[in-house]
Protein backbone atom coordinates (compact mmCIF):
# COMPACT_ATOMS: atom_id res chain seq x y z
CA MET A 1 7.82 15.72 16.93
CA ARG A 2 9.78 12.44 16.07
CA ILE A 3 10.51 11.67 12.06
CA PHE A 4 10.55 7.74 11.25
CA VAL A 5 12.59 7.25 8.35
CA GLY A 6 12.62 3.40 6.49
CA SER A 7 12.99 1.98 3.11
CA ASP A 8 13.71 -1.49 1.08
CA HIS A 9 17.05 -2.65 -0.88
CA ALA A 10 16.33 0.36 -3.39
CA GLY A 11 15.93 3.06 -1.21
CA PHE A 12 18.62 2.10 1.29
CA ASP A 13 21.66 4.30 0.30
CA LEU A 14 19.03 7.36 -0.14
CA LYS A 15 17.79 6.28 3.27
CA ASN A 16 21.03 6.44 4.89
CA SER A 17 21.62 9.54 3.00
CA ILE A 18 18.38 11.06 4.22
CA CYS A 19 19.04 9.81 7.81
CA GLU A 20 22.63 11.47 8.32
CA PHE A 21 21.38 14.64 7.00
CA LEU A 22 18.43 14.51 9.43
CA ARG A 23 20.78 13.98 12.25
CA ARG A 24 23.13 16.94 11.02
CA GLU A 25 20.33 19.28 11.16
CA GLY A 26 19.02 18.11 14.71
CA TYR A 27 15.85 16.60 13.59
CA ASP A 28 14.65 13.72 16.26
CA MET A 29 14.74 10.60 13.76
CA GLU A 30 14.72 7.12 13.71
CA ASP A 31 16.38 5.03 11.43
CA VAL A 32 13.36 2.30 11.39
CA GLY A 33 15.34 0.00 8.72
CA PRO A 34 16.78 -1.79 7.07
CA PRO A 35 19.93 -2.04 9.34
CA ILE A 36 21.83 -3.70 6.28
CA TYR A 37 21.37 -3.83 2.68
CA ASP A 38 19.17 -6.96 1.52
CA HIS A 39 18.03 -7.18 -1.76
CA ASP A 40 15.30 -9.67 -0.80
CA ASP A 41 13.68 -7.57 1.49
CA ASP A 42 10.10 -6.13 0.78
CA TYR A 43 8.99 -2.59 1.09
CA PRO A 44 5.70 -3.15 2.20
CA ASP A 45 7.05 -4.47 5.77
CA TYR A 46 9.14 -1.13 6.09
CA ALA A 47 6.39 0.66 5.37
CA LEU A 48 3.77 -1.00 7.93
CA LYS A 49 6.82 -0.58 10.32
CA VAL A 50 7.07 3.22 9.86
CA CYS A 51 3.32 3.76 9.64
CA MET A 52 2.95 2.37 13.22
CA LYS A 53 5.56 4.53 14.58
CA VAL A 54 3.94 7.35 13.20
CA LEU A 55 0.72 6.82 14.50
CA LYS A 56 1.60 5.74 17.83
CA SER A 57 3.61 8.94 18.44
CA LYS A 58 1.61 11.02 16.15
CA GLY A 59 5.19 11.86 14.30
CA MET A 60 5.90 11.57 10.64
CA GLY A 61 7.68 9.46 8.10
CA ILE A 62 9.62 9.06 5.38
CA LEU A 63 9.38 5.85 3.25
CA ILE A 64 12.08 4.97 0.28
CA CYS A 65 12.14 2.59 -2.27
CA GLY A 66 12.82 2.66 -5.93
CA SER A 67 9.92 4.78 -7.13
CA GLY A 68 8.08 5.68 -3.93
CA HIS A 69 4.89 4.30 -5.81
CA GLY A 70 5.22 0.79 -3.70
CA MET A 71 5.78 2.56 -0.22
CA ASP A 72 3.03 5.28 -0.87
CA ILE A 73 0.54 2.30 -1.76
CA ALA A 74 1.36 0.42 1.49
CA ALA A 75 1.28 3.40 3.58
CA ASN A 76 -2.10 4.84 2.35
CA LYS A 77 -3.72 1.21 3.35
CA VAL A 78 -3.03 2.04 6.95
CA LYS A 79 -5.80 4.04 8.88
CA GLY A 80 -4.78 7.59 9.69
CA ILE A 81 -1.78 7.59 7.17
CA TYR A 82 -1.32 10.06 4.57
CA ALA A 83 1.24 9.40 2.02
CA SER A 84 2.13 10.80 -1.12
CA VAL A 85 5.30 10.42 -3.50
CA CYS A 86 7.13 13.72 -3.94
CA TRP A 87 9.47 14.00 -6.68
CA ASN A 88 10.51 17.97 -6.29
CA GLU A 89 9.78 20.31 -3.69
CA GLU A 90 6.57 21.76 -5.15
CA SER A 91 5.15 18.86 -5.09
CA ALA A 92 6.48 18.43 -1.24
CA ILE A 93 5.03 21.86 -0.14
CA VAL A 94 1.66 21.61 -2.04
CA ALA A 95 1.39 17.72 -0.12
CA LYS A 96 1.78 19.39 3.20
CA GLU A 97 -0.20 22.76 2.47
CA HIS A 98 -3.15 21.29 0.92
CA ASP A 99 -3.30 17.48 2.18
CA ASN A 100 -1.51 17.36 5.58
CA ILE A 101 0.39 14.21 4.56
CA ASN A 102 2.21 12.74 7.42
CA VAL A 103 4.52 10.29 5.48
CA LEU A 104 6.54 11.41 2.53
CA CYS A 105 7.40 9.01 -0.18
CA LEU A 106 10.62 9.11 -2.04
CA GLY A 107 11.98 7.06 -5.14
CA SER A 108 15.50 6.56 -5.27
CA ARG A 109 15.60 6.20 -9.03
CA PHE A 110 14.07 9.58 -9.53
CA VAL A 111 15.31 11.38 -6.97
CA ARG A 112 18.72 12.25 -6.38
CA PRO A 113 20.20 12.85 -2.58
CA ASN A 114 20.62 16.31 -2.78
CA ALA A 115 17.22 17.29 -4.36
CA ALA A 116 15.65 14.69 -1.93
CA LYS A 117 17.58 16.62 1.05
CA ARG A 118 15.58 19.93 -0.23
CA ILE A 119 12.40 18.32 -0.60
CA VAL A 120 11.97 16.63 3.07
CA ARG A 121 13.62 20.07 4.51
CA VAL A 122 10.37 21.80 2.37
CA TRP A 123 8.04 19.12 3.93
CA LEU A 124 9.15 19.48 7.13
CA GLU A 125 9.01 23.10 7.70
CA LYS A 126 5.86 23.93 5.58
CA PRO A 127 2.73 24.06 7.67
CA PHE A 128 -0.48 22.73 6.71
CA SER A 129 -2.64 25.94 5.30
CA ARG A 130 -5.83 25.09 7.11
CA GLU A 131 -7.55 26.72 4.66
CA ALA A 132 -11.27 25.75 4.90
CA ARG A 133 -11.60 24.33 1.03
CA HIS A 134 -8.45 21.95 2.20
CA SER A 135 -10.14 21.19 5.83
CA ARG A 136 -13.09 20.50 4.14
CA ARG A 137 -11.28 18.11 1.83
CA LEU A 138 -9.65 16.19 4.15
CA ARG A 139 -12.71 15.59 6.33
CA LYS A 140 -14.20 14.37 3.07
CA ILE A 141 -11.11 11.91 2.88
CA LYS A 142 -11.48 10.87 6.37
CA LYS A 143 -15.23 10.20 5.73
CA ILE A 144 -14.00 7.60 3.11
CA GLU A 145 -11.41 6.44 5.25
CA LYS A 146 -13.96 5.41 7.83
CA ALA A 147 -16.68 3.85 5.79
CA ASN A 148 -13.67 1.83 3.93
CA LEU A 149 -10.72 1.07 5.74
CA ARG A 150 -10.71 -1.51 8.81
CA GLY A 151 -8.49 -2.86 11.07
CA ARG A 152 -6.36 -0.92 13.55
CA GLN A 153 -7.01 2.08 15.48
């Protein structure tokens, strides 16, 4: 499964650190950008790029901005994307086990590089629990999505 990583200017350094970590660990990954620091870039542009690649490849995405919230909001506007901001390993485990998120959002102003690497690792390694209650809730979310999100797919 391919992992797509993107950021805005606030997440640029952490994105580079995460990309280096993923390569070193042998993950199949793609740095979606930005390729160079640009103080005037906008997080929705990179959120959309990553999300479209996640959907097309049935992969996973990592989005990084200053707080993680902007990327989270933008990503969750894309039908078929289930994104969440995670700030520690426990939040990443729950996001994957209970909500089966396919896009992890990180806030570079709140999560240091070593902690971010641990968060990424547990999120990638943890499977969705498939417990009936979690599956039922995800079906309800998909129903809301179908009724309210228009556009691609």
